[in-house]
Amino acid sequence: MSVIFSGSGNPVTIGGVDYGYTLTLMTPQASTSGTVIDFTGIPAWARRITVMFNGVSTNATTNIIIQIGPSSGVETTGYLGACQTNGAGINDNATNLGFDVFELGVATYAASGHCVLTLLDSSTNTWAASSIMAHSSRLVYMGGAKPITGGVLSRIRITSTAGTAVFDAGSINVMYE
């Protein structure tokens, strides 16, 4: 049995049967400047979203967070969860501002990994999140959930807990299905 993924937005075919399932890879964005990176236009039918990080760094030591929201903007409260840093003994409770996906600790750290957002309850538009991120000496994992109160998810923002750290290396992309 073969599984064929043939590019952005194409259906998954298994054994010659078209399941109408699509994986859409958005355009990657360089994380080399600015304090926020936004991905917009995620369709209402998306049920699983993967945010991928490749060597992402900032000029500060605050956490990298993911915020989600409807077309009117990201929501900055109501995030539940925590992240754990292996090898550093750091336990971060969610700031309630977003999903903490990486605790930098040192401004030169570059994070690689992914965060998966999955629609948990469509009646309340609640999204579950889990991530695994790393750099050469730290492994960070996170879990949490967030109901979107202002509509359906259509945007994702990557920023820092303080909102002032400037991205200075790497790239970020989003895939939805």
Protein backbone atom coordinates (compact mmCIF):
# COMPACT_ATOMS: atom_id res chain seq x y z
CA MET A 1 0.00 0.00 0.00
CA SER A 2 1.40 3.41 -0.92
CA VAL A 3 0.73 6.83 0.53
CA ILE A 4 1.27 9.72 -1.88
CA PHE A 5 1.72 13.33 -0.77
CA SER A 6 2.31 15.41 -3.85
CA GLY A 7 2.85 18.96 -2.73
CA SER A 8 0.85 21.63 -1.03
CA GLY A 9 -2.91 21.25 -0.93
CA ASN A 10 -3.07 17.91 -2.74
CA PRO A 11 -5.21 15.03 -1.48
CA VAL A 12 -3.77 11.96 0.17
CA THR A 13 -4.08 8.84 -1.98
CA ILE A 14 -3.82 5.41 -0.35
CA GLY A 15 -3.94 2.34 -2.57
CA GLY A 16 -5.34 4.43 -5.42
CA VAL A 17 -8.21 5.82 -3.30
CA ASP A 18 -8.43 9.62 -2.99
CA TYR A 19 -9.35 10.46 0.60
CA GLY A 20 -9.72 14.19 -0.09
CA TYR A 21 -7.33 14.92 2.75
CA THR A 22 -4.95 17.79 2.18
CA LEU A 23 -1.64 18.83 3.68
CA THR A 24 -0.87 22.47 2.95
CA LEU A 25 2.59 23.87 3.56
CA MET A 26 2.60 27.66 3.84
CA THR A 27 5.50 29.87 2.70
CA PRO A 28 8.41 29.74 5.17
CA GLN A 29 9.33 33.00 6.88
CA ALA A 30 12.84 34.02 7.88
CA SER A 31 13.05 34.65 11.62
CA THR A 32 15.91 37.13 11.25
CA SER A 33 14.24 40.41 12.25
CA GLY A 34 11.22 41.84 14.04
CA THR A 35 9.51 40.90 17.29
CA VAL A 36 6.62 38.87 15.82
CA ILE A 37 6.14 36.42 12.98
CA ASP A 38 2.56 35.97 11.79
CA PHE A 39 0.96 33.29 9.66
CA THR A 40 -2.55 34.25 8.52
CA GLY A 41 -5.21 32.81 6.24
CA ILE A 42 -5.45 29.39 7.86
CA PRO A 43 -8.79 28.01 6.60
CA ALA A 44 -11.70 27.25 8.94
CA TRP A 45 -11.61 23.56 7.94
CA ALA A 46 -8.08 23.04 9.36
CA ARG A 47 -8.09 20.58 12.27
CA ARG A 48 -4.35 20.11 12.83
CA ILE A 49 -1.59 22.70 12.47
CA THR A 50 2.15 22.12 12.76
CA VAL A 51 4.50 25.03 13.42
CA MET A 52 8.09 24.12 12.44
CA PHE A 53 11.20 25.90 13.74
CA ASN A 54 14.65 25.70 12.13
CA GLY A 55 17.48 27.35 14.10
CA VAL A 56 15.25 30.13 15.52
CA SER A 57 16.95 32.59 17.85
CA THR A 58 16.31 35.98 19.43
CA ASN A 59 18.53 38.65 20.97
CA ALA A 60 17.09 38.04 24.46
CA THR A 61 16.58 35.29 27.04
CA THR A 62 12.78 35.31 27.23
CA ASN A 63 10.67 32.34 26.14
CA ILE A 64 9.47 31.89 22.57
CA ILE A 65 5.69 31.59 22.59
CA ILE A 66 2.94 30.75 20.10
CA GLN A 67 -0.33 32.68 20.15
CA ILE A 68 -3.44 31.72 18.18
CA GLY A 69 -6.56 33.55 17.18
CA PRO A 70 -9.37 34.32 14.75
CA SER A 71 -9.12 36.70 11.78
CA SER A 72 -9.56 39.71 14.10
CA GLY A 73 -6.20 39.03 15.84
CA VAL A 74 -4.35 36.74 18.21
CA GLU A 75 -5.64 36.14 21.70
CA THR A 76 -3.27 37.02 24.54
CA THR A 77 -4.99 35.35 27.52
CA GLY A 78 -6.47 31.98 28.44
CA TYR A 79 -3.56 29.68 27.56
CA LEU A 80 -3.23 26.71 29.93
CA GLY A 81 -0.19 24.46 30.15
CA ALA A 82 3.49 24.30 30.99
CA CYS A 83 6.88 23.54 29.50
CA GLN A 84 9.81 21.58 30.93
CA THR A 85 13.45 22.08 30.05
CA ASN A 86 15.57 18.93 30.28
CA GLY A 87 19.13 19.36 31.53
CA ALA A 88 18.48 22.77 33.06
CA GLY A 89 15.95 21.87 35.74
CA ILE A 90 13.62 24.60 34.51
CA ASN A 91 9.85 24.20 34.85
CA ASP A 92 7.86 27.02 33.31
CA ASN A 93 4.19 27.38 34.00
CA ALA A 94 2.39 28.96 31.09
CA THR A 95 2.39 32.73 31.33
CA ASN A 96 -1.22 32.67 30.13
CA LEU A 97 0.00 34.88 27.22
CA GLY A 98 0.69 31.98 24.84
CA PHE A 99 2.07 28.46 24.56
CA ASP A 100 5.68 28.51 25.88
CA VAL A 101 7.53 26.41 23.31
CA PHE A 102 11.15 27.26 24.11
CA GLU A 103 12.93 28.71 27.14
CA LEU A 104 15.98 30.41 25.68
CA GLY A 105 18.06 31.02 28.82
CA VAL A 106 20.91 32.29 26.63
CA ALA A 107 20.39 34.69 23.71
CA THR A 108 22.65 32.62 21.42
CA TYR A 109 20.54 29.46 21.67
CA ALA A 110 18.87 28.47 18.40
CA ALA A 111 15.68 26.41 18.66
CA SER A 112 14.67 23.67 16.23
CA GLY A 113 11.62 21.44 16.45
CA HIS A 114 7.87 21.67 16.10
CA CYS A 115 4.61 22.44 17.87
CA VAL A 116 1.42 20.60 16.91
CA LEU A 117 -1.96 22.25 17.46
CA THR A 118 -4.97 19.94 17.24
CA LEU A 119 -8.64 20.91 17.38
CA LEU A 120 -9.85 19.31 20.60
CA ASP A 121 -13.46 20.49 20.71
CA SER A 122 -15.14 22.20 17.76
CA SER A 123 -18.13 23.34 19.85
CA THR A 124 -15.85 25.50 22.03
CA ASN A 125 -13.10 25.93 19.41
CA THR A 126 -10.55 24.57 21.89
CA TRP A 127 -7.10 23.71 20.59
CA ALA A 128 -4.65 21.33 22.30
CA ALA A 129 -0.93 22.02 21.82
CA SER A 130 2.19 19.93 22.28
CA SER A 131 5.74 20.67 21.26
CA ILE A 132 9.24 19.35 21.32
CA MET A 133 12.10 21.75 20.71
CA ALA A 134 15.85 21.49 21.15
CA HIS A 135 19.22 23.06 20.71
CA SER A 136 22.63 21.51 21.36
CA SER A 137 22.26 21.17 25.14
CA ARG A 138 18.56 21.56 25.93
CA LEU A 139 15.40 19.68 25.16
CA VAL A 140 12.13 21.52 25.86
CA TYR A 141 8.69 19.96 25.72
CA MET A 142 5.31 21.57 26.30
CA GLY A 143 1.63 20.72 26.57
CA GLY A 144 -1.43 22.90 26.88
CA ALA A 145 -4.84 23.97 25.60
CA LYS A 146 -6.65 27.16 24.61
CA PRO A 147 -10.27 27.90 23.62
CA ILE A 148 -10.53 30.66 21.02
CA THR A 149 -13.24 33.06 22.12
CA GLY A 150 -13.48 35.37 19.11
CA GLY A 151 -14.18 32.95 16.25
CA VAL A 152 -12.36 30.09 14.50
CA LEU A 153 -8.58 29.83 14.34
CA SER A 154 -7.17 31.56 11.27
CA ARG A 155 -3.83 32.94 12.45
CA ILE A 156 -0.74 32.02 14.44
CA ARG A 157 1.82 34.40 15.92
CA ILE A 158 5.31 33.51 17.12
CA THR A 159 6.80 36.03 19.54
CA SER A 160 8.46 36.20 22.98
CA THR A 161 6.88 36.36 26.43
CA ALA A 162 7.91 40.01 26.76
CA GLY A 163 7.01 40.73 23.14
CA THR A 164 10.20 42.74 22.72
CA ALA A 165 12.85 40.13 21.83
CA VAL A 166 14.06 40.55 18.24
CA PHE A 167 14.37 37.43 16.08
CA ASP A 168 17.91 37.13 14.72
CA ALA A 169 18.32 33.68 13.10
CA GLY A 170 16.50 30.78 11.47
CA SER A 171 13.16 30.21 9.77
CA ILE A 172 9.62 29.17 10.69
CA ASN A 173 6.91 27.50 8.63
CA VAL A 174 3.37 26.23 9.17
CA MET A 175 1.58 23.22 7.72
CA TYR A 176 -2.14 22.66 8.18
CA GLU A 177 -4.42 19.74 7.46
